[in-house]
Amino acid sequence: MCFNLRKASRAVTQVYDEFLRPGGLRTTQFSLLAMLVGKGPMPIRTLADYMVMDRTTLTRNLKLVEREGLVTVRAGDDRRTRIVEITEQGRDAVKQSLPFWQDAQDFMVRELGSKTWSALRANLGETISAAQTTND
């Protein structure tokens, strides 16, 4: 199961990366920035939980988008807490890349068919929930 999910994830990521290329973002960057657009500023730990990523991997990804000026990472109220916030440049990057992401989404739905797409979304949601119960 793990191998096949990772293989499917890599294949789908390659599709989205190809569609997103004209917008200048990769799938991981787009997802991270879109999450911040939707949820607002948040601690790295909370963002890691939303993204279902370990904090080390997230921090590595954040450094890339921070270097590009797409996010800022600042100290929180507690010295141990770091807050991530999208910048205007980051919002512009999401806005510019959104049509390309939608094209990728439309392509995948067309390739899978709407019935398979709906079932896949439901099954992946259940899979994520089941896997997260082992981490609690």
N, C-alpha and C. Protein backbone atom coordinates (compact mmCIF):
# COMPACT_ATOMS: atom_id res chain seq x y z
N MET A 1 0.82 -1.19 0.00
CA MET A 1 0.00 0.00 0.00
C MET A 1 0.87 1.25 0.00
N CYS A 2 1.84 1.28 0.90
CA CYS A 2 2.69 2.48 1.01
C CYS A 2 3.42 2.75 -0.31
N PHE A 3 4.01 1.69 -0.89
CA PHE A 3 4.74 1.87 -2.15
C PHE A 3 3.82 2.40 -3.24
N ASN A 4 2.64 1.83 -3.36
CA ASN A 4 1.72 2.25 -4.43
C ASN A 4 1.19 3.66 -4.21
N LEU A 5 0.91 4.02 -2.96
CA LEU A 5 0.48 5.39 -2.68
C LEU A 5 1.58 6.40 -3.00
N ARG A 6 2.81 6.07 -2.62
CA ARG A 6 3.93 6.97 -2.90
C ARG A 6 4.18 7.07 -4.40
N LYS A 7 4.07 5.94 -5.08
CA LYS A 7 4.25 5.93 -6.54
C LYS A 7 3.18 6.79 -7.21
N ALA A 8 1.93 6.61 -6.79
CA ALA A 8 0.83 7.41 -7.34
C ALA A 8 1.05 8.89 -7.03
N SER A 9 1.48 9.18 -5.82
CA SER A 9 1.73 10.56 -5.42
C SER A 9 2.81 11.19 -6.28
N ARG A 10 3.88 10.48 -6.53
CA ARG A 10 4.95 11.01 -7.39
C ARG A 10 4.45 11.25 -8.81
N ALA A 11 3.66 10.31 -9.34
CA ALA A 11 3.14 10.46 -10.71
C ALA A 11 2.23 11.67 -10.82
N VAL A 12 1.33 11.83 -9.85
CA VAL A 12 0.40 12.96 -9.88
C VAL A 12 1.17 14.26 -9.66
N THR A 13 2.14 14.26 -8.77
CA THR A 13 2.95 15.46 -8.53
C THR A 13 3.67 15.88 -9.80
N GLN A 14 4.17 14.92 -10.57
CA GLN A 14 4.84 15.25 -11.83
C GLN A 14 3.87 15.94 -12.81
N VAL A 15 2.62 15.47 -12.85
CA VAL A 15 1.62 16.09 -13.71
C VAL A 15 1.39 17.54 -13.26
N TYR A 16 1.13 17.73 -11.98
CA TYR A 16 0.86 19.08 -11.47
C TYR A 16 2.07 19.99 -11.65
N ASP A 17 3.28 19.48 -11.39
CA ASP A 17 4.48 20.29 -11.59
C ASP A 17 4.59 20.77 -13.03
N GLU A 18 4.28 19.88 -13.97
CA GLU A 18 4.36 20.25 -15.39
C GLU A 18 3.34 21.34 -15.71
N PHE A 19 2.12 21.20 -15.22
CA PHE A 19 1.10 22.22 -15.46
C PHE A 19 1.45 23.53 -14.77
N LEU A 20 2.04 23.47 -13.57
CA LEU A 20 2.35 24.68 -12.80
C LEU A 20 3.61 25.40 -13.29
N ARG A 21 4.42 24.73 -14.08
CA ARG A 21 5.71 25.29 -14.51
C ARG A 21 5.60 26.73 -15.03
N PRO A 22 4.62 27.07 -15.89
CA PRO A 22 4.54 28.46 -16.39
C PRO A 22 4.31 29.49 -15.27
N GLY A 23 3.72 29.07 -14.15
CA GLY A 23 3.47 29.98 -13.04
C GLY A 23 4.66 30.14 -12.12
N GLY A 24 5.67 29.28 -12.30
CA GLY A 24 6.90 29.41 -11.52
C GLY A 24 6.90 28.72 -10.17
N LEU A 25 5.85 27.96 -9.86
CA LEU A 25 5.80 27.25 -8.59
C LEU A 25 5.78 25.75 -8.84
N ARG A 26 6.27 25.00 -7.86
CA ARG A 26 6.13 23.55 -7.86
C ARG A 26 4.91 23.20 -7.01
N THR A 27 4.47 21.97 -7.14
CA THR A 27 3.26 21.53 -6.45
C THR A 27 3.35 21.75 -4.95
N THR A 28 4.47 21.37 -4.36
CA THR A 28 4.62 21.52 -2.90
C THR A 28 4.54 22.99 -2.50
N GLN A 29 5.19 23.85 -3.26
CA GLN A 29 5.17 25.28 -2.96
C GLN A 29 3.76 25.84 -3.10
N PHE A 30 3.08 25.47 -4.19
CA PHE A 30 1.73 25.95 -4.40
C PHE A 30 0.81 25.51 -3.27
N SER A 31 0.90 24.24 -2.87
CA SER A 31 0.04 23.72 -1.81
C SER A 31 0.28 24.44 -0.49
N LEU A 32 1.54 24.66 -0.18
CA LEU A 32 1.90 25.35 1.06
C LEU A 32 1.37 26.78 1.06
N LEU A 33 1.58 27.49 -0.04
CA LEU A 33 1.12 28.88 -0.14
C LEU A 33 -0.40 28.96 -0.14
N ALA A 34 -1.06 28.04 -0.84
CA ALA A 34 -2.52 28.04 -0.88
C ALA A 34 -3.09 27.77 0.51
N MET A 35 -2.44 26.92 1.28
CA MET A 35 -2.88 26.65 2.65
C MET A 35 -2.81 27.93 3.48
N LEU A 36 -1.73 28.69 3.31
CA LEU A 36 -1.58 29.94 4.06
C LEU A 36 -2.58 31.00 3.60
N VAL A 37 -2.91 31.01 2.32
CA VAL A 37 -3.94 31.94 1.84
C VAL A 37 -5.26 31.60 2.51
N GLY A 38 -5.58 30.31 2.57
CA GLY A 38 -6.86 29.89 3.12
C GLY A 38 -6.97 29.97 4.62
N LYS A 39 -5.89 29.66 5.32
CA LYS A 39 -5.94 29.58 6.79
C LYS A 39 -5.33 30.77 7.50
N GLY A 40 -4.51 31.55 6.81
CA GLY A 40 -3.87 32.70 7.45
C GLY A 40 -2.59 32.30 8.18
N PRO A 41 -1.95 33.28 8.82
CA PRO A 41 -0.69 33.02 9.52
C PRO A 41 -0.88 31.94 10.59
N MET A 42 0.14 31.11 10.77
CA MET A 42 0.04 30.05 11.78
C MET A 42 1.42 29.56 12.18
N PRO A 43 1.50 28.94 13.35
CA PRO A 43 2.78 28.35 13.77
C PRO A 43 3.20 27.22 12.82
N ILE A 44 4.51 27.03 12.69
CA ILE A 44 5.04 25.97 11.83
C ILE A 44 4.43 24.63 12.21
N ARG A 45 4.30 24.36 13.48
CA ARG A 45 3.75 23.07 13.93
C ARG A 45 2.33 22.86 13.40
N THR A 46 1.51 23.89 13.46
CA THR A 46 0.13 23.80 12.97
C THR A 46 0.12 23.59 11.46
N LEU A 47 0.97 24.32 10.74
CA LEU A 47 1.06 24.16 9.29
C LEU A 47 1.52 22.74 8.94
N ALA A 48 2.47 22.22 9.68
CA ALA A 48 2.94 20.85 9.46
C ALA A 48 1.80 19.86 9.65
N ASP A 49 0.98 20.08 10.66
CA ASP A 49 -0.17 19.20 10.90
C ASP A 49 -1.17 19.28 9.74
N TYR A 50 -1.49 20.49 9.29
CA TYR A 50 -2.42 20.65 8.16
C TYR A 50 -1.88 19.97 6.90
N MET A 51 -0.57 20.11 6.67
CA MET A 51 0.05 19.58 5.46
C MET A 51 0.39 18.09 5.59
N VAL A 52 0.26 17.55 6.79
CA VAL A 52 0.65 16.17 7.11
C VAL A 52 2.11 15.96 6.66
N MET A 53 2.97 16.86 7.17
CA MET A 53 4.41 16.82 6.88
C MET A 53 5.16 16.86 8.21
N ASP A 54 6.32 16.23 8.23
CA ASP A 54 7.13 16.39 9.43
C ASP A 54 7.74 17.79 9.40
N ARG A 55 8.04 18.31 10.57
CA ARG A 55 8.48 19.71 10.67
C ARG A 55 9.81 19.95 9.96
N THR A 56 10.69 18.95 9.94
CA THR A 56 11.98 19.11 9.27
C THR A 56 11.78 19.32 7.77
N THR A 57 10.94 18.50 7.16
CA THR A 57 10.66 18.64 5.72
C THR A 57 9.97 19.97 5.45
N LEU A 58 9.02 20.33 6.28
CA LEU A 58 8.31 21.60 6.10
C LEU A 58 9.28 22.76 6.22
N THR A 59 10.15 22.73 7.21
CA THR A 59 11.12 23.82 7.40
C THR A 59 12.01 23.96 6.17
N ARG A 60 12.44 22.84 5.59
CA ARG A 60 13.25 22.87 4.38
C ARG A 60 12.48 23.51 3.22
N ASN A 61 11.20 23.15 3.08
CA ASN A 61 10.37 23.74 2.03
C ASN A 61 10.10 25.22 2.28
N LEU A 62 9.92 25.58 3.55
CA LEU A 62 9.68 26.98 3.88
C LEU A 62 10.88 27.85 3.55
N LYS A 63 12.08 27.34 3.75
CA LYS A 63 13.28 28.13 3.47
C LYS A 63 13.32 28.54 2.00
N LEU A 64 12.88 27.65 1.13
CA LEU A 64 12.87 27.95 -0.31
C LEU A 64 11.91 29.09 -0.63
N VAL A 65 10.68 29.01 -0.12
CA VAL A 65 9.70 30.05 -0.43
C VAL A 65 9.98 31.34 0.35
N GLU A 66 10.63 31.22 1.49
CA GLU A 66 11.02 32.41 2.24
C GLU A 66 12.12 33.16 1.47
N ARG A 67 13.07 32.42 0.94
CA ARG A 67 14.15 33.02 0.15
C ARG A 67 13.61 33.76 -1.07
N GLU A 68 12.50 33.26 -1.63
CA GLU A 68 11.88 33.89 -2.79
C GLU A 68 10.97 35.06 -2.40
N GLY A 69 10.82 35.30 -1.09
CA GLY A 69 9.99 36.40 -0.62
C GLY A 69 8.50 36.09 -0.63
N LEU A 70 8.14 34.79 -0.69
CA LEU A 70 6.74 34.40 -0.77
C LEU A 70 6.11 34.22 0.61
N VAL A 71 6.92 33.98 1.63
CA VAL A 71 6.44 33.89 3.01
C VAL A 71 7.45 34.59 3.92
N THR A 72 6.98 34.91 5.11
CA THR A 72 7.88 35.34 6.17
C THR A 72 7.70 34.37 7.33
N VAL A 73 8.79 34.16 8.04
CA VAL A 73 8.76 33.32 9.24
C VAL A 73 9.30 34.19 10.37
N ARG A 74 8.47 34.39 11.38
CA ARG A 74 8.86 35.27 12.48
C ARG A 74 8.64 34.57 13.81
N ALA A 75 9.22 35.14 14.84
CA ALA A 75 9.05 34.59 16.18
C ALA A 75 7.61 34.81 16.63
N GLY A 76 7.10 33.85 17.38
CA GLY A 76 5.77 33.98 17.96
C GLY A 76 5.87 34.55 19.35
N ASP A 77 4.78 34.45 20.11
CA ASP A 77 4.77 34.95 21.48
C ASP A 77 5.76 34.19 22.36
N ASP A 78 5.91 32.92 22.07
CA ASP A 78 6.81 32.03 22.78
C ASP A 78 8.09 31.91 21.94
N ARG A 79 9.25 31.97 22.56
CA ARG A 79 10.51 31.91 21.81
C ARG A 79 10.63 30.66 20.95
N ARG A 80 9.97 29.59 21.36
CA ARG A 80 10.06 28.33 20.62
C ARG A 80 9.12 28.29 19.43
N THR A 81 8.17 29.20 19.37
CA THR A 81 7.17 29.20 18.31
C THR A 81 7.59 30.11 17.17
N ARG A 82 7.47 29.59 15.93
CA ARG A 82 7.74 30.38 14.74
C ARG A 82 6.43 30.46 13.95
N ILE A 83 6.07 31.67 13.53
CA ILE A 83 4.83 31.92 12.80
C ILE A 83 5.15 32.10 11.31
N VAL A 84 4.39 31.42 10.48
CA VAL A 84 4.55 31.52 9.02
C VAL A 84 3.41 32.36 8.48
N GLU A 85 3.76 33.30 7.62
CA GLU A 85 2.75 34.18 7.01
C GLU A 85 3.09 34.39 5.54
N ILE A 86 2.07 34.34 4.71
CA ILE A 86 2.28 34.57 3.28
C ILE A 86 2.43 36.07 3.04
N THR A 87 3.28 36.42 2.10
CA THR A 87 3.49 37.83 1.75
C THR A 87 2.58 38.19 0.56
N GLU A 88 2.52 39.47 0.23
CA GLU A 88 1.76 39.88 -0.95
C GLU A 88 2.34 39.22 -2.20
N GLN A 89 3.65 39.13 -2.26
CA GLN A 89 4.30 38.46 -3.39
C GLN A 89 3.86 36.99 -3.45
N GLY A 90 3.72 36.35 -2.29
CA GLY A 90 3.24 34.97 -2.24
C GLY A 90 1.81 34.86 -2.71
N ARG A 91 0.98 35.80 -2.28
CA ARG A 91 -0.43 35.81 -2.74
C ARG A 91 -0.50 35.98 -4.26
N ASP A 92 0.35 36.86 -4.78
CA ASP A 92 0.39 37.06 -6.23
C ASP A 92 0.82 35.79 -6.95
N ALA A 93 1.79 35.08 -6.38
CA ALA A 93 2.26 33.83 -7.00
C ALA A 93 1.15 32.79 -7.04
N VAL A 94 0.36 32.70 -5.96
CA VAL A 94 -0.77 31.76 -5.94
C VAL A 94 -1.80 32.18 -6.97
N LYS A 95 -2.12 33.46 -7.00
CA LYS A 95 -3.11 33.96 -7.95
C LYS A 95 -2.68 33.69 -9.39
N GLN A 96 -1.39 33.90 -9.67
CA GLN A 96 -0.86 33.67 -11.01
C GLN A 96 -0.86 32.17 -11.36
N SER A 97 -0.61 31.31 -10.38
CA SER A 97 -0.51 29.88 -10.63
C SER A 97 -1.84 29.15 -10.55
N LEU A 98 -2.84 29.77 -9.98
CA LEU A 98 -4.13 29.11 -9.80
C LEU A 98 -4.74 28.58 -11.11
N PRO A 99 -4.72 29.34 -12.20
CA PRO A 99 -5.28 28.77 -13.45
C PRO A 99 -4.53 27.53 -13.92
N PHE A 100 -3.21 27.49 -13.71
CA PHE A 100 -2.42 26.32 -14.11
C PHE A 100 -2.77 25.12 -13.22
N TRP A 101 -2.94 25.39 -11.92
CA TRP A 101 -3.35 24.33 -11.00
C TRP A 101 -4.73 23.80 -11.41
N GLN A 102 -5.64 24.69 -11.77
CA GLN A 102 -6.97 24.27 -12.18
C GLN A 102 -6.91 23.44 -13.46
N ASP A 103 -6.02 23.80 -14.37
CA ASP A 103 -5.83 23.00 -15.58
C ASP A 103 -5.36 21.59 -15.23
N ALA A 104 -4.44 21.49 -14.28
CA ALA A 104 -3.96 20.18 -13.84
C ALA A 104 -5.09 19.38 -13.20
N GLN A 105 -5.86 20.05 -12.38
CA GLN A 105 -7.00 19.41 -11.71
C GLN A 105 -7.99 18.89 -12.75
N ASP A 106 -8.33 19.74 -13.71
CA ASP A 106 -9.27 19.35 -14.77
C ASP A 106 -8.73 18.17 -15.57
N PHE A 107 -7.44 18.20 -15.88
CA PHE A 107 -6.81 17.11 -16.62
C PHE A 107 -6.94 15.79 -15.86
N MET A 108 -6.61 15.81 -14.58
CA MET A 108 -6.66 14.58 -13.79
C MET A 108 -8.09 14.06 -13.66
N VAL A 109 -9.05 14.94 -13.47
CA VAL A 109 -10.46 14.53 -13.37
C VAL A 109 -10.90 13.91 -14.69
N ARG A 110 -10.51 14.54 -15.80
CA ARG A 110 -10.85 14.00 -17.13
C ARG A 110 -10.23 12.62 -17.32
N GLU A 111 -8.96 12.48 -16.96
CA GLU A 111 -8.25 11.21 -17.15
C GLU A 111 -8.84 10.09 -16.28
N LEU A 112 -9.22 10.42 -15.06
CA LEU A 112 -9.77 9.43 -14.14
C LEU A 112 -11.26 9.19 -14.37
N GLY A 113 -11.96 10.20 -14.79
CA GLY A 113 -13.42 10.15 -14.85
C GLY A 113 -13.97 10.64 -13.52
N SER A 114 -15.12 11.30 -13.57
CA SER A 114 -15.65 11.93 -12.36
C SER A 114 -16.02 10.91 -11.28
N LYS A 115 -16.49 9.73 -11.68
CA LYS A 115 -16.86 8.72 -10.69
C LYS A 115 -15.61 8.22 -9.93
N THR A 116 -14.56 7.91 -10.65
CA THR A 116 -13.31 7.46 -10.02
C THR A 116 -12.71 8.58 -9.18
N TRP A 117 -12.77 9.82 -9.70
CA TRP A 117 -12.23 10.97 -8.97
C TRP A 117 -12.93 11.13 -7.62
N SER A 118 -14.27 11.05 -7.62
CA SER A 118 -15.03 11.19 -6.38
C SER A 118 -14.69 10.08 -5.40
N ALA A 119 -14.60 8.86 -5.90
CA ALA A 119 -14.27 7.73 -5.04
C ALA A 119 -12.85 7.87 -4.49
N LEU A 120 -11.93 8.31 -5.33
CA LEU A 120 -10.54 8.48 -4.91
C LEU A 120 -10.44 9.52 -3.80
N ARG A 121 -11.12 10.64 -3.97
CA ARG A 121 -11.10 11.68 -2.93
C ARG A 121 -11.60 11.13 -1.60
N ALA A 122 -12.70 10.41 -1.63
CA ALA A 122 -13.26 9.83 -0.40
C ALA A 122 -12.29 8.82 0.19
N ASN A 123 -11.76 7.95 -0.64
CA ASN A 123 -10.85 6.91 -0.15
C ASN A 123 -9.56 7.50 0.41
N LEU A 124 -9.03 8.51 -0.24
CA LEU A 124 -7.81 9.14 0.27
C LEU A 124 -8.07 9.82 1.61
N GLY A 125 -9.22 10.47 1.74
CA GLY A 125 -9.57 11.08 3.02
C GLY A 125 -9.63 10.05 4.14
N GLU A 126 -10.24 8.91 3.85
CA GLU A 126 -10.32 7.83 4.83
C GLU A 126 -8.94 7.26 5.14
N THR A 127 -8.11 7.16 4.12
CA THR A 127 -6.75 6.63 4.30
C THR A 127 -5.93 7.56 5.20
N ILE A 128 -6.03 8.85 4.95
CA ILE A 128 -5.31 9.83 5.78
C ILE A 128 -5.78 9.73 7.23
N SER A 129 -7.08 9.69 7.42
CA SER A 129 -7.63 9.58 8.78
C SER A 129 -7.16 8.31 9.48
N ALA A 130 -7.20 7.19 8.77
CA ALA A 130 -6.78 5.93 9.37
C ALA A 130 -5.29 5.97 9.74
N ALA A 131 -4.47 6.52 8.87
CA ALA A 131 -3.03 6.59 9.14
C ALA A 131 -2.73 7.53 10.30
N GLN A 132 -3.49 8.59 10.43
CA GLN A 132 -3.23 9.55 11.50
C GLN A 132 -3.62 9.02 12.87
N THR A 133 -4.48 8.02 12.94
CA THR A 133 -4.83 7.48 14.25
C THR A 133 -3.65 6.80 14.91
N THR A 134 -2.66 6.35 14.10
CA THR A 134 -1.48 5.71 14.67
C THR A 134 -0.51 6.74 15.22
N ASN A 135 -0.68 8.00 14.84
CA ASN A 135 0.23 9.07 15.29
C ASN A 135 -0.29 9.80 16.51
N ASP A 136 -1.48 9.47 16.97
CA ASP A 136 -2.05 10.19 18.13
C ASP A 136 -1.56 9.62 19.43
